[in-house]
Protein backbone atom coordinates (compact mmCIF):
# COMPACT_ATOMS: atom_id res chain seq x y z
CA UNK A 1 8.50 9.02 4.77
CA UNK A 2 11.35 7.08 3.03
CA UNK A 3 13.74 7.86 6.03
CA UNK A 4 11.44 6.07 8.31
CA UNK A 5 11.27 3.10 6.18
CA UNK A 6 15.01 2.16 6.97
CA UNK A 7 13.80 0.78 10.28
CA UNK A 8 11.49 -1.60 8.06
CA UNK A 9 14.12 -3.19 5.83
CA UNK A 10 14.35 -6.74 5.99
CA UNK A 11 11.23 -7.09 8.07
CA UNK A 12 8.02 -8.38 7.43
CA UNK A 13 5.60 -5.47 6.64
CA UNK A 14 1.78 -4.97 5.71
CA UNK A 15 1.43 -2.47 2.73
CA UNK A 16 -2.20 -0.91 1.88
CA UNK A 17 -2.54 0.20 -1.64
CA UNK A 18 -4.85 2.78 -3.21
CA UNK A 19 -6.85 -0.04 -4.89
CA UNK A 20 -7.72 -1.17 -1.27
CA UNK A 21 -5.36 -4.30 -1.58
CA UNK A 22 -3.42 -5.22 1.29
CA UNK A 23 -0.20 -7.13 0.99
CA UNK A 24 2.23 -8.98 3.66
CA UNK A 25 5.85 -9.44 2.31
CA UNK A 26 9.55 -8.50 3.58
CA UNK A 27 10.56 -5.03 2.76
CA UNK A 28 13.87 -5.32 0.81
CA UNK A 29 14.41 -2.12 -0.58
CA UNK A 30 12.91 1.28 -1.34
CA UNK A 31 13.74 4.59 -3.15
CA UNK A 32 12.91 8.54 -2.22
CA UNK A 33 9.58 8.02 -4.17
CA UNK A 34 8.44 5.34 -1.77
CA UNK A 35 8.62 2.79 -4.61
CA UNK A 36 8.89 -0.50 -2.71
CA UNK A 37 10.77 -3.72 -3.30
CA UNK A 38 8.89 -6.56 -1.62
CA UNK A 39 9.95 -10.34 -1.10
CA UNK A 40 6.89 -12.63 -0.86
CA UNK A 41 8.43 -15.86 0.26
CA UNK A 42 5.02 -17.67 -0.26
CA UNK A 43 5.16 -16.95 -3.95
CA UNK A 44 8.94 -16.90 -4.20
CA UNK A 45 9.02 -13.68 -6.07
CA UNK A 46 10.08 -9.99 -6.03
CA UNK A 47 7.38 -7.47 -6.44
CA UNK A 48 7.99 -3.83 -7.14
CA UNK A 49 5.06 -1.51 -5.97
CA UNK A 50 4.73 2.06 -7.25
CA UNK A 51 5.06 4.82 -4.58
CA UNK A 52 2.13 6.54 -5.99
CA UNK A 53 -0.20 3.49 -5.35
CA UNK A 54 1.03 3.19 -1.65
CA UNK A 55 -1.19 4.38 1.16
CA UNK A 56 0.68 3.05 4.24
CA UNK A 57 3.40 0.61 5.20
CA UNK A 58 3.32 -1.00 8.66
CA UNK A 59 5.13 -3.56 10.54
CA UNK A 60 3.80 -7.04 11.00
CA UNK A 61 3.27 -8.11 14.65
CA UNK A 62 6.19 -10.61 15.59
CA UNK A 63 4.00 -13.57 16.23
CA UNK A 64 1.97 -13.69 13.28
CA UNK A 65 2.46 -15.24 9.98
CA UNK A 66 0.79 -14.89 6.43
CA UNK A 67 -1.61 -17.71 6.96
CA UNK A 68 -2.34 -17.99 10.93
CA UNK A 69 -2.93 -15.18 13.59
CA UNK A 70 -5.93 -13.05 14.35
CA UNK A 71 -3.95 -9.84 12.80
CA UNK A 72 -2.31 -11.43 9.96
CA UNK A 73 -3.13 -10.84 6.20
CA UNK A 74 -4.27 -14.01 4.31
CA UNK A 75 -1.50 -15.33 1.96
CA UNK A 76 -1.93 -13.48 -1.42
CA UNK A 77 -3.95 -10.20 -1.23
CA UNK A 78 -6.74 -8.92 0.67
CA UNK A 79 -9.07 -6.10 -0.68
CA UNK A 80 -10.82 -3.41 1.38
CA UNK A 81 -12.85 -0.50 0.05
CA UNK A 82 -10.98 1.40 -2.67
CA UNK A 83 -8.97 4.22 -1.13
CA UNK A 84 -9.06 6.72 -4.13
CA UNK A 85 -11.50 9.66 -3.97
CA UNK A 86 -13.74 9.05 -6.91
CA UNK A 87 -16.55 11.65 -7.20
CA UNK A 88 -19.21 10.93 -9.40
CA UNK A 89 -19.36 13.68 -12.26
CA UNK A 90 -16.53 15.71 -10.83
CA UNK A 91 -16.05 17.34 -14.26
CA UNK A 92 -19.41 19.15 -13.45
CA UNK A 93 -18.40 20.26 -10.19
CA UNK A 94 -15.25 21.76 -11.57
CA UNK A 95 -17.17 23.44 -14.46
CA UNK A 96 -19.43 25.39 -11.72
CA UNK A 97 -16.32 26.32 -9.98
CA UNK A 98 -14.63 27.65 -13.10
CA UNK A 99 -17.78 29.68 -14.06
CA UNK A 100 -17.85 30.95 -10.58
CA UNK A 101 -14.44 32.65 -10.88
CA UNK A 102 -15.79 36.02 -12.68
């Protein structure tokens, strides 16, 4: 994925995180582990996002901003349903699988 991010450098992107958080910022750097360095103009700060927390990265449409536009992300953060696969009582399921291996 990281070679594809070269096309997004110094451009506005939308990042979806595993927590369900969606962020809009300017991509100013990345590494081979997809750790992202983002500049948020509204907050005048640089943020580092761990690659293990990134679900996807996409370009913002050219005619939208952080506060206007139908497809834009509200300034700050927007949350969606959690993207992590949480299975209730997962340990019991794996115990059954382990016992069946005999």
